[in-house]
Protein backbone atom coordinates (compact mmCIF):
# COMPACT_ATOMS: atom_id res chain seq x y z
CA MET A 1 167.61 44.32 69.00
CA ILE A 2 164.04 44.51 67.68
CA LYS A 3 165.16 42.94 64.40
CA LYS A 4 166.81 40.07 66.31
CA ILE A 5 163.63 39.45 68.37
CA LEU A 6 161.49 39.43 65.21
CA THR A 7 163.85 36.95 63.57
CA VAL A 8 163.66 34.59 66.56
CA ALA A 9 159.87 34.91 66.63
CA ILE A 10 159.58 34.02 62.93
CA ILE A 11 161.81 30.97 63.41
CA LEU A 12 159.73 29.78 66.37
CA PHE A 13 156.46 30.30 64.47
CA ALA A 14 157.78 28.34 61.52
CA ALA A 15 158.75 25.50 63.86
CA VAL A 16 155.32 25.11 65.42
CA LEU A 17 153.25 25.80 62.29
CA PRO A 18 153.35 22.20 60.94
CA VAL A 19 151.92 20.91 64.22
CA PHE A 20 148.79 23.03 63.87
CA ALA A 21 148.52 23.02 60.11
CA GLY A 22 148.66 19.21 59.96
CA GLY A 23 148.24 19.61 56.23
CA GLY A 24 150.09 17.55 53.73
CA SER A 25 153.23 17.28 55.85
CA GLU A 26 154.50 13.75 56.35
CA ALA A 27 154.39 12.25 59.83
CA LYS A 28 157.86 11.73 61.29
CA GLY A 29 157.14 9.67 64.40
CA GLU A 30 158.48 6.22 65.15
CA LYS A 31 154.98 4.75 64.85
CA VAL A 32 152.05 5.25 62.51
CA LYS A 33 149.20 6.62 64.61
CA LEU A 34 145.49 6.20 63.94
CA ALA A 35 142.93 7.77 66.26
CA VAL A 36 139.72 6.15 67.45
CA ALA A 37 137.18 8.68 68.73
CA LEU A 38 134.02 6.99 69.94
CA PRO A 39 131.80 6.71 73.05
CA MET A 40 133.70 4.59 75.56
CA THR A 41 131.42 5.63 78.42
CA GLY A 42 127.77 6.60 78.62
CA ASP A 43 124.62 5.19 77.02
CA ASN A 44 126.36 4.15 73.77
CA ALA A 45 129.55 2.76 75.30
CA GLU A 46 128.79 -0.78 74.09
CA TYR A 47 129.09 0.47 70.52
CA GLY A 48 132.29 2.45 71.02
CA GLN A 49 134.04 -0.25 73.02
CA SER A 50 133.14 -2.95 70.50
CA PHE A 51 134.33 -0.81 67.58
CA LEU A 52 137.65 -0.28 69.38
CA VAL A 53 138.04 -4.05 69.77
CA ALA A 54 137.46 -4.50 66.04
CA ALA A 55 139.92 -1.72 65.18
CA GLN A 56 142.59 -3.21 67.46
CA ILE A 57 142.23 -6.62 65.82
CA MET A 58 143.02 -5.08 62.44
CA VAL A 59 146.00 -3.15 63.83
CA ASP A 60 147.33 -6.26 65.59
CA ASP A 61 147.11 -8.23 62.33
CA TRP A 62 149.12 -5.57 60.49
CA ASN A 63 151.68 -5.24 63.28
CA LYS A 64 152.26 -9.01 63.34
CA ALA A 65 152.96 -8.81 59.60
CA GLY A 66 155.50 -6.01 60.05
CA GLY A 67 153.30 -2.93 60.30
CA VAL A 68 153.05 -0.44 57.45
CA LEU A 69 155.93 1.32 55.66
CA GLY A 70 158.30 -0.39 58.07
CA LYS A 71 156.64 1.11 61.15
CA GLN A 72 154.43 -0.37 63.85
CA ILE A 73 150.92 1.02 64.18
CA GLU A 74 149.42 2.55 67.30
CA ILE A 75 145.79 3.35 68.08
CA VAL A 76 145.26 6.54 70.05
CA ASN A 77 141.91 6.14 71.79
CA TYR A 78 139.58 9.00 72.76
CA ASP A 79 136.24 8.86 74.59
CA ASP A 80 133.84 11.36 73.03
CA LYS A 81 130.86 10.12 75.12
CA ASN A 82 128.80 10.60 71.93
CA SER A 83 128.82 14.30 72.81
CA ALA A 84 129.28 17.03 70.20
CA GLU A 85 131.06 19.20 72.76
CA GLU A 86 133.52 16.42 73.64
CA ALA A 87 134.05 15.58 69.98
CA ALA A 88 134.90 19.20 69.12
CA SER A 89 137.58 19.22 71.83
CA ILE A 90 138.93 15.80 70.84
CA ALA A 91 139.13 16.79 67.17
CA GLN A 92 141.38 19.69 68.13
CA LYS A 93 143.65 17.32 70.06
CA ILE A 94 143.81 14.88 67.15
CA VAL A 95 144.72 17.45 64.51
CA SER A 96 147.41 18.92 66.76
CA ASP A 97 149.30 15.61 66.63
CA PRO A 98 151.16 15.54 63.29
CA ASP A 99 151.69 11.77 63.55
CA ILE A 100 147.96 10.92 63.47
CA ILE A 101 147.10 10.14 59.85
CA GLY A 102 143.40 9.40 60.21
CA VAL A 103 140.58 8.88 62.66
CA LEU A 104 137.86 6.27 63.01
CA GLY A 105 134.90 8.22 64.35
CA HIS A 106 132.60 9.43 65.47
CA PHE A 107 129.50 7.40 66.38
CA SER A 108 126.35 9.41 65.68
CA SER A 109 125.94 11.60 62.61
CA GLY A 110 125.52 14.80 64.61
CA VAL A 111 128.70 14.22 66.60
CA SER A 112 130.61 13.21 63.46
CA MET A 113 129.45 16.34 61.67
CA THR A 114 130.55 18.56 64.56
CA ALA A 115 134.11 17.27 64.32
CA ALA A 116 134.32 16.93 60.52
CA PRO A 117 135.18 20.58 59.67
CA THR A 118 138.19 20.46 62.02
CA TYR A 119 139.50 17.26 60.45
CA ASN A 120 138.91 18.49 56.92
CA GLU A 121 140.51 21.88 57.50
CA ASN A 122 143.62 20.22 58.96
CA LYS A 123 143.70 17.45 56.35
CA VAL A 124 143.19 14.56 58.75
CA ILE A 125 141.25 11.68 57.17
CA GLN A 126 137.99 10.93 58.98
CA ILE A 127 136.19 7.65 58.34
CA SER A 128 132.97 6.96 60.21
CA ASN A 129 131.67 3.42 60.21
CA CYS A 130 128.14 4.47 61.13
CA ALA A 131 127.36 8.16 60.40
CA SER A 132 124.38 7.91 58.07
CA HIS A 133 123.21 11.53 57.71
CA PRO A 134 123.05 12.43 53.99
CA ASP A 135 125.15 15.58 54.50
CA TYR A 136 127.98 14.07 56.55
CA SER A 137 130.34 13.09 53.73
CA LYS A 138 129.65 16.34 51.87
CA MET A 139 131.58 18.26 54.54
CA GLY A 140 134.94 17.96 52.82
CA LYS A 141 137.30 15.87 50.73
CA PHE A 142 138.92 14.29 53.80
CA ILE A 143 135.56 13.02 55.13
CA PHE A 144 134.49 9.45 54.31
CA ARG A 145 131.89 6.98 55.51
CA ASN A 146 132.25 3.21 55.40
CA ASN A 147 128.52 2.64 55.60
CA THR A 148 125.58 3.70 53.51
CA VAL A 149 123.41 6.77 53.84
CA ILE A 150 120.36 5.85 55.91
CA SER A 151 117.99 6.08 52.94
CA GLU A 152 119.62 2.98 51.41
CA GLU A 153 118.85 0.97 54.54
CA PHE A 154 115.27 2.22 54.58
CA LYS A 155 114.78 1.13 50.97
CA VAL A 156 115.56 -2.43 52.06
CA MET A 157 113.26 -2.09 55.09
CA VAL A 158 110.41 -0.85 52.89
CA ASP A 159 111.01 -3.81 50.58
CA ILE A 160 110.79 -6.19 53.56
CA ILE A 161 107.43 -4.76 54.62
CA GLU A 162 106.02 -4.50 51.13
CA ASN A 163 107.24 -7.65 49.41
CA ASP A 164 108.34 -10.11 52.10
CA LEU A 165 105.77 -9.45 54.82
CA LYS A 166 103.09 -8.09 52.46
CA LEU A 167 101.80 -5.61 55.01
CA THR A 168 100.48 -2.12 54.27
CA ASN A 169 100.00 -0.01 57.42
CA VAL A 170 103.35 1.29 58.67
CA GLY A 171 104.27 3.20 61.81
CA VAL A 172 107.62 4.82 62.57
CA VAL A 173 109.14 5.25 66.03
CA ALA A 174 112.29 7.36 66.26
CA ILE A 175 114.52 8.55 69.08
CA LYS A 176 114.64 12.29 69.76
CA THR A 177 118.18 13.03 68.62
CA ASP A 178 119.49 14.89 65.58
CA TRP A 179 120.10 11.57 63.87
CA GLY A 180 116.75 10.13 64.93
CA SER A 181 114.83 13.16 63.69
CA THR A 182 116.59 13.17 60.32
CA ALA A 183 116.45 9.41 59.82
CA GLY A 184 112.84 9.20 61.00
CA GLY A 185 111.85 11.86 58.48
CA ILE A 186 113.56 9.94 55.68
CA ALA A 187 111.73 6.77 56.72
CA ASP A 188 108.41 8.65 56.50
CA GLN A 189 109.24 9.89 53.00
CA LEU A 190 110.20 6.48 51.66
CA VAL A 191 107.10 4.81 53.10
CA ARG A 192 104.89 7.47 51.50
CA ALA A 193 106.73 7.17 48.19
CA SER A 194 106.41 3.37 48.00
CA GLY A 195 103.00 3.42 46.34
CA LYS A 196 101.75 0.38 48.26
CA LEU A 197 102.42 1.30 51.88
CA LYS A 198 100.52 3.73 54.10
CA LEU A 199 102.22 5.72 56.85
CA VAL A 200 99.65 5.62 59.65
CA ALA A 201 101.63 7.22 62.49
CA HIS A 202 105.02 8.56 63.52
CA GLU A 203 106.08 8.79 67.17
CA ASP A 204 109.23 10.30 68.63
CA VAL A 205 110.54 8.96 71.94
CA LEU A 206 113.32 9.94 74.32
CA GLU A 207 116.50 7.92 73.74
CA THR A 208 116.91 7.31 77.47
CA SER A 209 113.28 6.38 78.16
CA ASP A 210 112.15 2.83 78.86
CA ASP A 211 108.43 3.71 79.03
CA HIS A 212 107.01 3.72 75.50
CA GLY A 213 103.38 3.18 76.47
CA PRO A 214 102.01 6.49 75.12
CA ALA A 215 103.75 6.09 71.75
CA ILE A 216 102.65 2.46 71.45
CA ALA A 217 99.04 3.36 72.22
CA LYS A 218 99.00 5.90 69.38
CA LEU A 219 100.69 3.54 66.91
CA LYS A 220 98.29 0.73 67.75
CA ALA A 221 95.24 3.01 67.56
CA ALA A 222 96.37 4.11 64.10
CA GLY A 223 96.27 0.50 62.92
CA ALA A 224 100.01 -0.06 62.42
CA GLN A 225 100.89 -3.56 61.25
CA ALA A 226 104.65 -2.98 61.00
CA ILE A 227 106.87 -0.56 62.90
CA ILE A 228 110.13 0.85 61.52
CA CYS A 229 112.33 1.42 64.58
CA VAL A 230 114.87 4.23 64.31
CA GLY A 231 117.12 4.05 67.36
CA MET A 232 119.98 2.36 69.16
CA TYR A 233 119.85 -1.07 70.82
CA SER A 234 118.47 0.49 74.02
CA LEU A 235 115.23 1.29 72.17
CA TYR A 236 114.46 -2.14 70.76
CA GLY A 237 114.20 -4.30 73.87
CA PRO A 238 111.83 -2.19 76.00
CA PHE A 239 109.79 -1.10 72.97
CA ALA A 240 109.35 -4.67 71.70
CA LYS A 241 108.38 -6.04 75.12
CA GLN A 242 105.79 -3.34 75.73
CA TYR A 243 104.32 -3.49 72.22
CA LYS A 244 104.01 -7.28 72.19
CA GLU A 245 101.96 -7.06 75.40
CA VAL A 246 99.22 -5.11 73.60
CA ASP A 247 99.70 -6.51 70.07
CA PRO A 248 101.58 -9.83 69.84
CA ALA A 249 101.31 -9.75 66.03
CA ILE A 250 103.13 -6.45 65.53
CA GLN A 251 106.05 -6.71 63.11
CA LEU A 252 109.23 -4.81 63.99
CA ILE A 253 111.89 -3.77 61.47
CA GLY A 254 115.19 -2.29 62.64
CA VAL A 255 118.03 -0.40 61.00
CA SER A 256 121.41 -2.10 60.60
CA ASN A 257 122.50 -1.28 64.16
CA ALA A 258 119.80 -3.67 65.37
CA TYR A 259 122.11 -6.51 64.35
CA THR A 260 123.76 -6.93 67.73
CA ARG A 261 123.55 -9.50 70.49
CA GLN A 262 122.41 -6.83 72.95
CA ILE A 263 119.05 -6.64 71.14
CA ILE A 264 118.34 -10.28 71.90
CA GLU A 265 119.63 -10.01 75.48
CA LEU A 266 117.43 -6.98 76.17
CA GLY A 267 114.36 -8.06 74.22
CA GLY A 268 114.27 -11.82 74.68
CA ALA A 269 111.24 -13.47 73.13
CA ALA A 270 109.72 -10.08 72.28
CA VAL A 271 112.24 -9.44 69.51
CA GLU A 272 111.62 -12.77 67.80
CA GLY A 273 110.78 -12.05 64.17
CA LEU A 274 112.52 -8.66 64.09
CA PHE A 275 114.05 -7.91 60.67
CA ALA A 276 117.12 -5.83 59.83
CA PRO A 277 119.25 -5.14 56.73
CA VAL A 278 122.98 -5.82 57.28
CA SER A 279 126.16 -5.53 55.22
CA PHE A 280 127.90 -8.19 57.34
CA TYR A 281 126.77 -11.56 58.65
CA ALA A 282 128.93 -13.16 61.33
CA GLU A 283 127.97 -16.74 60.46
CA SER A 284 129.06 -16.47 56.84
CA THR A 285 131.24 -19.28 55.49
CA ASP A 286 133.72 -16.75 54.08
CA PRO A 287 137.14 -17.62 55.64
CA ALA A 288 138.02 -13.95 56.28
CA ILE A 289 134.73 -13.39 58.09
CA GLN A 290 135.16 -16.57 60.10
CA LYS A 291 138.68 -15.51 61.14
CA PHE A 292 137.56 -12.03 62.18
CA THR A 293 134.48 -13.34 64.00
CA ALA A 294 136.49 -15.92 65.95
CA GLU A 295 139.08 -13.35 67.08
CA TYR A 296 136.42 -10.79 67.91
CA LYS A 297 134.44 -13.30 70.00
CA SER A 298 137.60 -14.26 71.89
CA ARG A 299 138.08 -10.63 72.91
CA TRP A 300 134.50 -9.33 73.21
CA LYS A 301 132.62 -12.56 74.09
CA SER A 302 129.94 -11.84 71.50
CA GLU A 303 129.54 -11.95 67.74
CA PRO A 304 130.51 -8.77 65.86
CA SER A 305 127.77 -6.50 64.59
CA SER A 306 127.77 -5.11 61.06
CA LEU A 307 128.92 -1.77 62.51
CA ALA A 308 131.86 -3.45 64.27
CA ALA A 309 132.75 -5.16 60.99
CA GLN A 310 132.68 -1.76 59.28
CA ALA A 311 134.99 -0.38 62.00
CA PHE A 312 137.40 -3.27 61.35
CA ASP A 313 137.34 -2.58 57.62
CA SER A 314 137.67 1.20 58.10
CA ILE A 315 141.03 0.73 59.82
CA GLY A 316 142.02 -1.73 57.12
CA ILE A 317 141.12 0.84 54.46
CA LEU A 318 143.29 3.50 56.13
CA LEU A 319 146.27 1.16 56.47
CA THR A 320 145.93 -0.16 52.92
CA ALA A 321 145.74 3.41 51.65
CA ILE A 322 148.96 4.28 53.51
CA LYS A 323 150.63 1.21 51.98
CA ASN A 324 149.35 2.06 48.49
CA ALA A 325 150.43 5.69 48.81
CA GLY A 326 153.89 4.64 49.99
CA THR A 327 154.02 7.66 52.26
CA LEU A 328 152.53 9.16 55.41
CA ASP A 329 151.67 12.39 53.63
CA ARG A 330 148.03 12.94 54.58
CA GLU A 331 146.97 14.36 51.21
CA LYS A 332 148.48 11.44 49.30
CA VAL A 333 146.96 8.93 51.73
CA ARG A 334 143.61 10.69 51.34
CA ASP A 335 143.85 10.27 47.54
CA ALA A 336 144.64 6.59 48.04
CA VAL A 337 141.51 6.20 50.20
CA GLN A 338 139.45 7.91 47.51
CA ASN A 339 140.75 5.50 44.86
CA ILE A 340 140.72 2.31 46.94
CA ASN A 341 139.02 -0.93 45.98
CA TYR A 342 139.05 -2.80 49.27
CA LYS A 343 137.79 -6.32 49.90
CA GLY A 344 136.75 -6.48 53.54
CA VAL A 345 134.51 -8.48 55.81
CA SER A 346 131.69 -5.99 55.21
CA GLY A 347 131.99 -6.37 51.45
CA GLN A 348 133.83 -4.74 48.58
CA THR A 349 134.35 -1.04 49.31
CA GLN A 350 134.88 1.81 46.91
CA PHE A 351 134.10 5.47 47.59
CA ASP A 352 132.23 7.77 45.27
CA ALA A 353 133.21 11.38 44.59
CA ILE A 354 131.83 12.67 47.90
CA GLY A 355 133.22 9.86 50.07
CA ASP A 356 130.22 7.54 50.32
CA ALA A 357 130.60 3.75 50.24
CA ALA A 358 128.04 1.52 48.62
CA LYS A 359 127.05 -1.68 50.45
CA LEU A 360 125.10 -4.78 49.53
CA PHE A 361 122.57 -5.78 52.18
CA THR A 362 121.51 -9.15 53.56
CA LYS A 363 118.10 -9.37 55.20
CA VAL A 364 118.34 -11.04 58.61
CA VAL A 365 115.61 -12.00 61.06
CA ILE A 366 115.70 -13.14 64.70
CA LYS A 367 114.59 -16.76 65.03
CA ASN A 368 115.02 -18.93 68.12
CA GLY A 369 117.21 -16.33 69.80
CA ARG A 370 119.65 -15.72 66.94
CA PHE A 371 119.93 -13.77 63.73
CA ILE A 372 119.60 -15.84 60.55
CA PRO A 373 119.47 -14.84 56.87
CA TYR A 374 115.89 -14.38 55.73
CA THR A 375 114.64 -16.71 53.03
CA LYS A 376 111.12 -16.79 51.64
């Protein structure tokens, strides 16, 4: 009797093991599933919702053309609220579904890094379109980023201040989050290392605050001529309006996430002249970019940001890797991602040994209420 019970138990364990191991087993479902795990509610919902729109456009394009490997593609959407706790729970749900091949997510570096070990251990491919912490992609062979590490953006921002604007005194304002603290520290280092620039002040502000008076007073008193802003779109508008009231000549430089219509809507005239480095420009004459931009605007009623373009391409990379691998085996698809050479709307993408993508940047500036490429 005991032997019979043990035999049944072993059979049952063997049956459920593939669900939790995820591993290299091939998905058997009727559809190819890709997860999207991003903030759909909360302070950063605009980002998550817009990335989902971009991802769905890519999936719809593939489905209209017959899907991949003869199967239609389905996005399984999760709201992580940009919370590490939520992301940890969602990651467990994602890896327990053997038909999910990969995940687009998460939004911030800290949240992405919380979930990454679960994905890597269970061999689910994670591609973030915006996690910029230097250590994110080092967390495992199944972890990729379709954006640059933040230091590459800051190099362009330093070049703007030093060579385009020809200013010297630099201040940094950064939001008080894990990402903001790390990125703000990297900005400080690169300004100090430039040889021509002087870091005169660094101020940290609450992400949810709209009163930046104390920080602005200290930056102005230190003689800042240009401010590197390290934050989300909610920082730029209030900060620019309040700073321009006390120093109309102050020059603001944003990271790539500043390239979004919300910046202009929130900041109005105060964000005129703001610079940002971007890997995607919506008004490009490239036919693929024009097609994506037109479809995105029809669904979202605004031009896509560079981060939305990177979300669009991230899903394209996953689907192309599945096609190239000729299988839904996660390990083989992962190898196809590693070896991909993908031409997308955010540029040509290849991943290095640790899963980082290199990007070429365009300098854009806000003029007359719109972003335009900067020319001297």
